[in-house]
Amino acid sequence: MTPPQFPADPQPTSPATATEPGAPAPTLTIDAMGRKCPIPIIMLAERIREVPVGHVVAVLADDPAAQTDVPAWCMLKSQEYLQTRELASGWAFLVRRSY
């Protein structure tokens, strides 16, 4: 079985996470809108291995707890928390896979 191939320069996977110039583009977008804590973190933990090391995952969430949960999870799991982007009805949390 051939492993999946990933683009050298990832492109945004969702208009909701369109990037500003110079900002990293997510390779994978996880839609956790409408899900309460701890589901967004569980979804991130389950799926981060789908992208190569160095690539970015965007987690879309509208639960206010995610604003502290995502950065805390990144610190605990040695993943790189990049930024939070405000969306019309929530946030996009960008995480770079470190290992």
PDB file of N, CA and C in Angstrom:
ATOM      1  N   MET A   1       0.850  -1.184   0.000  1.00  0.00           N
ATOM      2  CA  MET A   1       0.000   0.000   0.000  1.00  0.00           C
ATOM      3  C   MET A   1       0.893   1.244   0.000  1.00  0.00           C
ATOM      4  N   THR A   2       0.615   2.167  -0.871  1.00  0.00           N
ATOM      5  CA  THR A   2       1.394   3.395  -0.984  1.00  0.00           C
ATOM      6  C   THR A   2       0.909   4.422   0.035  1.00  0.00           C
ATOM      7  N   PRO A   3       1.853   5.042   0.799  1.00  0.00           N
ATOM      8  CA  PRO A   3       1.424   6.057   1.770  1.00  0.00           C
ATOM      9  C   PRO A   3       0.875   7.286   1.056  1.00  0.00           C
ATOM     10  N   PRO A   4      -0.016   8.034   1.715  1.00  0.00           N
ATOM     11  CA  PRO A   4      -0.576   9.228   1.074  1.00  0.00           C
ATOM     12  C   PRO A   4       0.509  10.262   0.814  1.00  0.00           C
ATOM     13  N   GLN A   5       0.366  10.986  -0.265  1.00  0.00           N
ATOM     14  CA  GLN A   5       1.307  12.041  -0.621  1.00  0.00           C
ATOM     15  C   GLN A   5       0.718  13.380  -0.206  1.00  0.00           C
ATOM     16  N   PHE A   6       1.564  14.267   0.305  1.00  0.00           N
ATOM     17  CA  PHE A   6       1.128  15.571   0.752  1.00  0.00           C
ATOM     18  C   PHE A   6       1.844  16.632  -0.060  1.00  0.00           C
ATOM     19  N   PRO A   7       1.174  17.751  -0.361  1.00  0.00           N
ATOM     20  CA  PRO A   7       1.810  18.807  -1.139  1.00  0.00           C
ATOM     21  C   PRO A   7       2.948  19.455  -0.350  1.00  0.00           C
ATOM     22  N   ALA A   8       3.952  19.930  -1.080  1.00  0.00           N
ATOM     23  CA  ALA A   8       5.078  20.609  -0.435  1.00  0.00           C
ATOM     24  C   ALA A   8       4.611  21.898   0.229  1.00  0.00           C
ATOM     25  N   ASP A   9       3.725  22.614  -0.415  1.00  0.00           N
ATOM     26  CA  ASP A   9       3.168  23.846   0.140  1.00  0.00           C
ATOM     27  C   ASP A   9       1.673  23.644   0.338  1.00  0.00           C
ATOM     28  N   PRO A  10       1.267  23.289   1.566  1.00  0.00           N
ATOM     29  CA  PRO A  10      -0.161  23.021   1.806  1.00  0.00           C
ATOM     30  C   PRO A  10      -1.039  24.219   1.479  1.00  0.00           C
ATOM     31  N   GLN A  11      -2.221  23.920   0.983  1.00  0.00           N
ATOM     32  CA  GLN A  11      -3.196  24.953   0.662  1.00  0.00           C
ATOM     33  C   GLN A  11      -4.323  24.891   1.688  1.00  0.00           C
ATOM     34  N   PRO A  12      -5.008  26.003   1.937  1.00  0.00           N
ATOM     35  CA  PRO A  12      -6.129  25.968   2.881  1.00  0.00           C
ATOM     36  C   PRO A  12      -7.173  24.952   2.435  1.00  0.00           C
ATOM     37  N   THR A  13      -7.776  24.265   3.409  1.00  0.00           N
ATOM     38  CA  THR A  13      -8.768  23.258   3.079  1.00  0.00           C
ATOM     39  C   THR A  13     -10.189  23.770   3.282  1.00  0.00           C
ATOM     40  N   SER A  14     -10.316  24.993   3.786  1.00  0.00           N
ATOM     41  CA  SER A  14     -11.644  25.524   4.045  1.00  0.00           C
ATOM     42  C   SER A  14     -11.601  27.042   3.939  1.00  0.00           C
ATOM     43  N   PRO A  15     -12.620  27.659   3.323  1.00  0.00           N
ATOM     44  CA  PRO A  15     -12.622  29.116   3.260  1.00  0.00           C
ATOM     45  C   PRO A  15     -12.654  29.747   4.649  1.00  0.00           C
ATOM     46  N   ALA A  16     -13.183  29.039   5.632  1.00  0.00           N
ATOM     47  CA  ALA A  16     -13.248  29.586   6.985  1.00  0.00           C
ATOM     48  C   ALA A  16     -11.868  29.739   7.603  1.00  0.00           C
ATOM     49  N   THR A  17     -10.862  29.034   7.054  1.00  0.00           N
ATOM     50  CA  THR A  17      -9.522  29.131   7.607  1.00  0.00           C
ATOM     51  C   THR A  17      -8.551  29.742   6.602  1.00  0.00           C
ATOM     52  N   ALA A  18      -9.067  30.502   5.641  1.00  0.00           N
ATOM     53  CA  ALA A  18      -8.197  31.154   4.676  1.00  0.00           C
ATOM     54  C   ALA A  18      -7.145  31.965   5.420  1.00  0.00           C
ATOM     55  N   THR A  19      -5.918  31.888   4.945  1.00  0.00           N
ATOM     56  CA  THR A  19      -4.809  32.472   5.687  1.00  0.00           C
ATOM     57  C   THR A  19      -4.488  33.881   5.244  1.00  0.00           C
ATOM     58  N   GLU A  20      -3.930  34.639   6.173  1.00  0.00           N
ATOM     59  CA  GLU A  20      -3.408  35.944   5.849  1.00  0.00           C
ATOM     60  C   GLU A  20      -2.060  35.746   5.160  1.00  0.00           C
ATOM     61  N   PRO A  21      -1.553  36.740   4.424  1.00  0.00           N
ATOM     62  CA  PRO A  21      -0.251  36.596   3.782  1.00  0.00           C
ATOM     63  C   PRO A  21       0.821  36.275   4.818  1.00  0.00           C
ATOM     64  N   GLY A  22       1.640  35.252   4.527  1.00  0.00           N
ATOM     65  CA  GLY A  22       2.714  34.874   5.418  1.00  0.00           C
ATOM     66  C   GLY A  22       2.312  33.941   6.541  1.00  0.00           C
ATOM     67  N   ALA A  23       1.015  33.701   6.734  1.00  0.00           N
ATOM     68  CA  ALA A  23       0.548  32.793   7.791  1.00  0.00           C
ATOM     69  C   ALA A  23       0.530  31.366   7.245  1.00  0.00           C
ATOM     70  N   PRO A  24       0.733  30.377   8.122  1.00  0.00           N
ATOM     71  CA  PRO A  24       0.736  28.989   7.639  1.00  0.00           C
ATOM     72  C   PRO A  24      -0.645  28.540   7.188  1.00  0.00           C
ATOM     73  N   ALA A  25      -0.683  27.777   6.119  1.00  0.00           N
ATOM     74  CA  ALA A  25      -1.944  27.238   5.615  1.00  0.00           C
ATOM     75  C   ALA A  25      -2.160  25.853   6.202  1.00  0.00           C
ATOM     76  N   PRO A  26      -3.355  25.553   6.701  1.00  0.00           N
ATOM     77  CA  PRO A  26      -3.589  24.223   7.269  1.00  0.00           C
ATOM     78  C   PRO A  26      -3.651  23.140   6.206  1.00  0.00           C
ATOM     79  N   THR A  27      -3.057  22.004   6.506  1.00  0.00           N
ATOM     80  CA  THR A  27      -3.145  20.819   5.664  1.00  0.00           C
ATOM     81  C   THR A  27      -4.440  20.080   5.954  1.00  0.00           C
ATOM     82  N   LEU A  28      -4.879  20.154   7.211  1.00  0.00           N
ATOM     83  CA  LEU A  28      -6.081  19.456   7.662  1.00  0.00           C
ATOM     84  C   LEU A  28      -6.925  20.418   8.491  1.00  0.00           C
ATOM     85  N   THR A  29      -8.228  20.421   8.253  1.00  0.00           N
ATOM     86  CA  THR A  29      -9.155  21.213   9.060  1.00  0.00           C
ATOM     87  C   THR A  29     -10.109  20.264   9.768  1.00  0.00           C
ATOM     88  N   ILE A  30     -10.194  20.414  11.096  1.00  0.00           N
ATOM     89  CA  ILE A  30     -11.079  19.609  11.919  1.00  0.00           C
ATOM     90  C   ILE A  30     -12.251  20.485  12.339  1.00  0.00           C
ATOM     91  N   ASP A  31     -13.451  20.116  11.942  1.00  0.00           N
ATOM     92  CA  ASP A  31     -14.642  20.896  12.268  1.00  0.00           C
ATOM     93  C   ASP A  31     -15.264  20.376  13.561  1.00  0.00           C
ATOM     94  N   ALA A  32     -15.021  21.084  14.661  1.00  0.00           N
ATOM     95  CA  ALA A  32     -15.579  20.722  15.961  1.00  0.00           C
ATOM     96  C   ALA A  32     -16.648  21.728  16.389  1.00  0.00           C
ATOM     97  N   MET A  33     -17.210  22.459  15.436  1.00  0.00           N
ATOM     98  CA  MET A  33     -18.262  23.423  15.748  1.00  0.00           C
ATOM     99  C   MET A  33     -19.458  22.698  16.368  1.00  0.00           C
ATOM    100  N   GLY A  34     -19.990  23.289  17.439  1.00  0.00           N
ATOM    101  CA  GLY A  34     -21.139  22.710  18.109  1.00  0.00           C
ATOM    102  C   GLY A  34     -20.779  21.622  19.106  1.00  0.00           C
ATOM    103  N   ARG A  35     -19.506  21.278  19.186  1.00  0.00           N
ATOM    104  CA  ARG A  35     -19.057  20.240  20.121  1.00  0.00           C
ATOM    105  C   ARG A  35     -18.529  20.896  21.383  1.00  0.00           C
ATOM    106  N   LYS A  36     -18.871  20.350  22.527  1.00  0.00           N
ATOM    107  CA  LYS A  36     -18.434  20.891  23.819  1.00  0.00           C
ATOM    108  C   LYS A  36     -17.168  20.191  24.287  1.00  0.00           C
ATOM    109  N   CYS A  37     -16.474  20.840  25.185  1.00  0.00           N
ATOM    110  CA  CYS A  37     -15.279  20.313  25.815  1.00  0.00           C
ATOM    111  C   CYS A  37     -15.585  18.935  26.401  1.00  0.00           C
ATOM    112  N   PRO A  38     -14.729  17.974  26.207  1.00  0.00           N
ATOM    113  CA  PRO A  38     -13.387  17.956  25.621  1.00  0.00           C
ATOM    114  C   PRO A  38     -13.353  17.444  24.191  1.00  0.00           C
ATOM    115  N   ILE A  39     -14.474  17.400  23.499  1.00  0.00           N
ATOM    116  CA  ILE A  39     -14.533  16.802  22.163  1.00  0.00           C
ATOM    117  C   ILE A  39     -13.567  17.448  21.164  1.00  0.00           C
ATOM    118  N   PRO A  40     -13.435  18.794  21.082  1.00  0.00           N
ATOM    119  CA  PRO A  40     -12.470  19.353  20.125  1.00  0.00           C
ATOM    120  C   PRO A  40     -11.043  18.836  20.349  1.00  0.00           C
ATOM    121  N   ILE A  41     -10.637  18.679  21.602  1.00  0.00           N
ATOM    122  CA  ILE A  41      -9.291  18.180  21.906  1.00  0.00           C
ATOM    123  C   ILE A  41      -9.176  16.700  21.544  1.00  0.00           C
ATOM    124  N   ILE A  42     -10.208  15.937  21.814  1.00  0.00           N
ATOM    125  CA  ILE A  42     -10.192  14.514  21.455  1.00  0.00           C
ATOM    126  C   ILE A  42     -10.076  14.365  19.944  1.00  0.00           C
ATOM    127  N   MET A  43     -10.824  15.174  19.199  1.00  0.00           N
ATOM    128  CA  MET A  43     -10.760  15.121  17.737  1.00  0.00           C
ATOM    129  C   MET A  43      -9.357  15.482  17.245  1.00  0.00           C
ATOM    130  N   LEU A  44      -8.749  16.508  17.833  1.00  0.00           N
ATOM    131  CA  LEU A  44      -7.391  16.910  17.458  1.00  0.00           C
ATOM    132  C   LEU A  44      -6.408  15.779  17.756  1.00  0.00           C
ATOM    133  N   ALA A  45      -6.490  15.210  18.945  1.00  0.00           N
ATOM    134  CA  ALA A  45      -5.567  14.138  19.341  1.00  0.00           C
ATOM    135  C   ALA A  45      -5.682  12.925  18.421  1.00  0.00           C
ATOM    136  N   GLU A  46      -6.889  12.601  17.992  1.00  0.00           N
ATOM    137  CA  GLU A  46      -7.106  11.446  17.123  1.00  0.00           C
ATOM    138  C   GLU A  46      -6.603  11.674  15.704  1.00  0.00           C
ATOM    139  N   ARG A  47      -6.617  12.928  15.246  1.00  0.00           N
ATOM    140  CA  ARG A  47      -6.365  13.178  13.823  1.00  0.00           C
ATOM    141  C   ARG A  47      -5.044  13.856  13.499  1.00  0.00           C
ATOM    142  N   ILE A  48      -4.306  14.347  14.480  1.00  0.00           N
ATOM    143  CA  ILE A  48      -3.085  15.092  14.176  1.00  0.00           C
ATOM    144  C   ILE A  48      -2.066  14.227  13.435  1.00  0.00           C
ATOM    145  N   ARG A  49      -2.097  12.914  13.656  1.00  0.00           N
ATOM    146  CA  ARG A  49      -1.146  12.023  12.976  1.00  0.00           C
ATOM    147  C   ARG A  49      -1.462  11.845  11.489  1.00  0.00           C
ATOM    148  N   GLU A  50      -2.565  12.418  11.016  1.00  0.00           N
ATOM    149  CA  GLU A  50      -2.906  12.333   9.595  1.00  0.00           C
ATOM    150  C   GLU A  50      -2.057  13.268   8.743  1.00  0.00           C
ATOM    151  N   VAL A  51      -1.388  14.232   9.368  1.00  0.00           N
ATOM    152  CA  VAL A  51      -0.557  15.170   8.616  1.00  0.00           C
ATOM    153  C   VAL A  51       0.908  14.910   8.932  1.00  0.00           C
ATOM    154  N   PRO A  52       1.800  15.221   7.995  1.00  0.00           N
ATOM    155  CA  PRO A  52       3.227  15.031   8.248  1.00  0.00           C
ATOM    156  C   PRO A  52       3.741  16.007   9.305  1.00  0.00           C
ATOM    157  N   VAL A  53       4.838  15.639   9.948  1.00  0.00           N
ATOM    158  CA  VAL A  53       5.501  16.527  10.900  1.00  0.00           C
ATOM    159  C   VAL A  53       5.821  17.842  10.196  1.00  0.00           C
ATOM    160  N   GLY A  54       5.539  18.957  10.868  1.00  0.00           N
ATOM    161  CA  GLY A  54       5.789  20.285  10.299  1.00  0.00           C
ATOM    162  C   GLY A  54       4.575  20.903   9.634  1.00  0.00           C
ATOM    163  N   HIS A  55       3.552  20.106   9.357  1.00  0.00           N
ATOM    164  CA  HIS A  55       2.341  20.638   8.731  1.00  0.00           C
ATOM    165  C   HIS A  55       1.372  21.136   9.793  1.00  0.00           C
ATOM    166  N   VAL A  56       0.381  21.904   9.346  1.00  0.00           N
ATOM    167  CA  VAL A  56      -0.526  22.608  10.256  1.00  0.00           C
ATOM    168  C   VAL A  56      -1.924  22.007  10.209  1.00  0.00           C
ATOM    169  N   VAL A  57      -2.521  21.893  11.404  1.00  0.00           N
ATOM    170  CA  VAL A  57      -3.910  21.458  11.562  1.00  0.00           C
ATOM    171  C   VAL A  57      -4.702  22.652  12.091  1.00  0.00           C
ATOM    172  N   ALA A  58      -5.868  22.896  11.512  1.00  0.00           N
ATOM    173  CA  ALA A  58      -6.780  23.925  12.013  1.00  0.00           C
ATOM    174  C   ALA A  58      -7.935  23.215  12.719  1.00  0.00           C
ATOM    175  N   VAL A  59      -8.235  23.651  13.927  1.00  0.00           N
ATOM    176  CA  VAL A  59      -9.374  23.124  14.670  1.00  0.00           C
ATOM    177  C   VAL A  59     -10.407  24.235  14.748  1.00  0.00           C
ATOM    178  N   LEU A  60     -11.571  24.021  14.154  1.00  0.00           N
ATOM    179  CA  LEU A  60     -12.659  24.988  14.206  1.00  0.00           C
ATOM    180  C   LEU A  60     -13.542  24.634  15.396  1.00  0.00           C
ATOM    181  N   ALA A  61     -13.765  25.595  16.279  1.00  0.00           N
ATOM    182  CA  ALA A  61     -14.575  25.329  17.471  1.00  0.00           C
ATOM    183  C   ALA A  61     -15.295  26.594  17.904  1.00  0.00           C
ATOM    184  N   ASP A  62     -16.444  26.393  18.541  1.00  0.00           N
ATOM    185  CA  ASP A  62     -17.190  27.538  19.070  1.00  0.00           C
ATOM    186  C   ASP A  62     -17.395  27.444  20.578  1.00  0.00           C
ATOM    187  N   ASP A  63     -16.855  26.424  21.215  1.00  0.00           N
ATOM    188  CA  ASP A  63     -16.917  26.300  22.673  1.00  0.00           C
ATOM    189  C   ASP A  63     -15.815  27.181  23.275  1.00  0.00           C
ATOM    190  N   PRO A  64     -16.164  28.155  24.117  1.00  0.00           N
ATOM    191  CA  PRO A  64     -15.152  29.044  24.696  1.00  0.00           C
ATOM    192  C   PRO A  64     -14.031  28.304  25.435  1.00  0.00           C
ATOM    193  N   ALA A  65     -14.310  27.125  25.950  1.00  0.00           N
ATOM    194  CA  ALA A  65     -13.272  26.362  26.650  1.00  0.00           C
ATOM    195  C   ALA A  65     -12.114  25.992  25.725  1.00  0.00           C
ATOM    196  N   ALA A  66     -12.369  25.904  24.435  1.00  0.00           N
ATOM    197  CA  ALA A  66     -11.318  25.552  23.481  1.00  0.00           C
ATOM    198  C   ALA A  66     -10.208  26.600  23.453  1.00  0.00           C
ATOM    199  N   GLN A  67     -10.523  27.842  23.814  1.00  0.00           N
ATOM    200  CA  GLN A  67      -9.508  28.900  23.812  1.00  0.00           C
ATOM    201  C   GLN A  67      -8.377  28.607  24.794  1.00  0.00           C
ATOM    202  N   THR A  68      -8.660  27.912  25.857  1.00  0.00           N
ATOM    203  CA  THR A  68      -7.602  27.522  26.787  1.00  0.00           C
ATOM    204  C   THR A  68      -7.197  26.066  26.587  1.00  0.00           C
ATOM    205  N   ASP A  69      -8.148  25.225  26.181  1.00  0.00           N
ATOM    206  CA  ASP A  69      -7.866  23.795  26.029  1.00  0.00           C
ATOM    207  C   ASP A  69      -6.856  23.499  24.928  1.00  0.00           C
ATOM    208  N   VAL A  70      -6.989  24.126  23.773  1.00  0.00           N
ATOM    209  CA  VAL A  70      -6.093  23.818  22.651  1.00  0.00           C
ATOM    210  C   VAL A  70      -4.649  24.207  22.975  1.00  0.00           C
ATOM    211  N   PRO A  71      -4.380  25.450  23.425  1.00  0.00           N
ATOM    212  CA  PRO A  71      -2.987  25.764  23.778  1.00  0.00           C
ATOM    213  C   PRO A  71      -2.442  24.879  24.905  1.00  0.00           C
ATOM    214  N   ALA A  72      -3.269  24.545  25.893  1.00  0.00           N
ATOM    215  CA  ALA A  72      -2.815  23.688  26.994  1.00  0.00           C
ATOM    216  C   ALA A  72      -2.489  22.282  26.495  1.00  0.00           C
ATOM    217  N   TRP A  73      -3.316  21.738  25.611  1.00  0.00           N
ATOM    218  CA  TRP A  73      -3.058  20.419  25.048  1.00  0.00           C
ATOM    219  C   TRP A  73      -1.749  20.429  24.269  1.00  0.00           C
ATOM    220  N   CYS A  74      -1.520  21.483  23.488  1.00  0.00           N
ATOM    221  CA  CYS A  74      -0.279  21.587  22.722  1.00  0.00           C
ATOM    222  C   CYS A  74       0.936  21.576  23.644  1.00  0.00           C
ATOM    223  N   MET A  75       0.872  22.303  24.739  1.00  0.00           N
ATOM    224  CA  MET A  75       1.976  22.337  25.682  1.00  0.00           C
ATOM    225  C   MET A  75       2.201  20.955  26.299  1.00  0.00           C
ATOM    226  N   LEU A  76       1.127  20.292  26.700  1.00  0.00           N
ATOM    227  CA  LEU A  76       1.234  18.966  27.311  1.00  0.00           C
ATOM    228  C   LEU A  76       1.770  17.917  26.347  1.00  0.00           C
ATOM    229  N   LYS A  77       1.414  18.039  25.077  1.00  0.00           N
ATOM    230  CA  LYS A  77       1.779  17.037  24.076  1.00  0.00           C
ATOM    231  C   LYS A  77       2.959  17.459  23.199  1.00  0.00           C
ATOM    232  N   SER A  78       3.612  18.558  23.539  1.00  0.00           N
ATOM    233  CA  SER A  78       4.780  19.050  22.795  1.00  0.00           C
ATOM    234  C   SER A  78       4.478  19.288  21.319  1.00  0.00           C
ATOM    235  N   GLN A  79       3.288  19.803  21.048  1.00  0.00           N
ATOM    236  CA  GLN A  79       2.935  20.239  19.696  1.00  0.00           C
ATOM    237  C   GLN A  79       3.015  21.763  19.684  1.00  0.00           C
ATOM    238  N   GLU A  80       3.181  22.359  18.514  1.00  0.00           N
ATOM    239  CA  GLU A  80       3.364  23.806  18.427  1.00  0.00           C
ATOM    240  C   GLU A  80       2.032  24.525  18.198  1.00  0.00           C
ATOM    241  N   TYR A  81       1.592  25.259  19.214  1.00  0.00           N
ATOM    242  CA  TYR A  81       0.395  26.091  19.075  1.00  0.00           C
ATOM    243  C   TYR A  81       0.824  27.355  18.343  1.00  0.00           C
ATOM    244  N   LEU A  82       0.176  27.658  17.226  1.00  0.00           N
ATOM    245  CA  LEU A  82       0.568  28.805  16.411  1.00  0.00           C
ATOM    246  C   LEU A  82      -0.246  30.048  16.716  1.00  0.00           C
ATOM    247  N   GLN A  83      -1.576  29.934  16.598  1.00  0.00           N
ATOM    248  CA  GLN A  83      -2.426  31.110  16.794  1.00  0.00           C
ATOM    249  C   GLN A  83      -3.897  30.737  16.824  1.00  0.00           C
ATOM    250  N   THR A  84      -4.671  31.711  17.269  1.00  0.00           N
ATOM    251  CA  THR A  84      -6.122  31.606  17.225  1.00  0.00           C
ATOM    252  C   THR A  84      -6.615  32.680  16.275  1.00  0.00           C
ATOM    253  N   ARG A  85      -7.492  32.293  15.364  1.00  0.00           N
ATOM    254  CA  ARG A  85      -8.115  33.252  14.454  1.00  0.00           C
ATOM    255  C   ARG A  85      -9.597  33.328  14.779  1.00  0.00           C
ATOM    256  N   GLU A  86     -10.079  34.541  14.895  1.00  0.00           N
ATOM    257  CA  GLU A  86     -11.505  34.765  15.159  1.00  0.00           C
ATOM    258  C   GLU A  86     -12.295  34.488  13.881  1.00  0.00           C
ATOM    259  N   LEU A  87     -13.367  33.724  14.024  1.00  0.00           N
ATOM    260  CA  LEU A  87     -14.287  33.462  12.925  1.00  0.00           C
ATOM    261  C   LEU A  87     -15.622  34.117  13.262  1.00  0.00           C
ATOM    262  N   ALA A  88     -16.553  34.125  12.320  1.00  0.00           N
ATOM    263  CA  ALA A  88     -17.864  34.739  12.545  1.00  0.00           C
ATOM    264  C   ALA A  88     -18.602  34.078  13.710  1.00  0.00           C
ATOM    265  N   SER A  89     -18.427  32.778  13.869  1.00  0.00           N
ATOM    266  CA  SER A  89     -19.171  32.086  14.931  1.00  0.00           C
ATOM    267  C   SER A  89     -18.257  31.152  15.736  1.00  0.00           C
ATOM    268  N   GLY A  90     -17.050  31.575  16.014  1.00  0.00           N
ATOM    269  CA  GLY A  90     -16.135  30.745  16.799  1.00  0.00           C
ATOM    270  C   GLY A  90     -14.696  31.112  16.505  1.00  0.00           C
ATOM    271  N   TRP A  91     -13.828  30.092  16.521  1.00  0.00           N
ATOM    272  CA  TRP A  91     -12.400  30.320  16.330  1.00  0.00           C
ATOM    273  C   TRP A  91     -11.794  29.207  15.496  1.00  0.00           C
ATOM    274  N   ALA A  92     -10.665  29.528  14.873  1.00  0.00           N
ATOM    275  CA  ALA A  92      -9.821  28.541  14.219  1.00  0.00           C
ATOM    276  C   ALA A  92      -8.507  28.524  14.987  1.00  0.00           C
ATOM    277  N   PHE A  93      -8.173  27.385  15.546  1.00  0.00           N
ATOM    278  CA  PHE A  93      -6.932  27.210  16.298  1.00  0.00           C
ATOM    279  C   PHE A  93      -5.937  26.493  15.406  1.00  0.00           C
ATOM    280  N   LEU A  94      -4.772  27.087  15.211  1.00  0.00           N
ATOM    281  CA  LEU A  94      -3.762  26.483  14.331  1.00  0.00           C
ATOM    282  C   LEU A  94      -2.683  25.820  15.162  1.00  0.00           C
ATOM    283  N   VAL A  95      -2.412  24.564  14.817  1.00  0.00           N
ATOM    284  CA  VAL A  95      -1.436  23.750  15.539  1.00  0.00           C
ATOM    285  C   VAL A  95      -0.499  23.134  14.513  1.00  0.00           C
ATOM    286  N   ARG A  96       0.810  23.258  14.735  1.00  0.00           N
ATOM    287  CA  ARG A  96       1.799  22.618  13.861  1.00  0.00           C
ATOM    288  C   ARG A  96       2.234  21.310  14.524  1.00  0.00           C
ATOM    289  N   ARG A  97       2.189  20.228  13.764  1.00  0.00           N
ATOM    290  CA  ARG A  97       2.629  18.929  14.284  1.00  0.00           C
ATOM    291  C   ARG A  97       4.145  18.942  14.467  1.00  0.00           C
ATOM    292  N   SER A  98       4.600  18.634  15.675  1.00  0.00           N
ATOM    293  CA  SER A  98       6.020  18.683  16.001  1.00  0.00           C
ATOM    294  C   SER A  98       6.722  17.330  15.919  1.00  0.00           C
ATOM    295  N   TYR A  99       5.978  16.255  16.057  1.00  0.00           N
ATOM    296  CA  TYR A  99       6.596  14.921  15.990  1.00  0.00           C
ATOM    297  C   TYR A  99       5.611  13.905  15.484  1.00  0.00           C
TER     298      TYR A  99
END
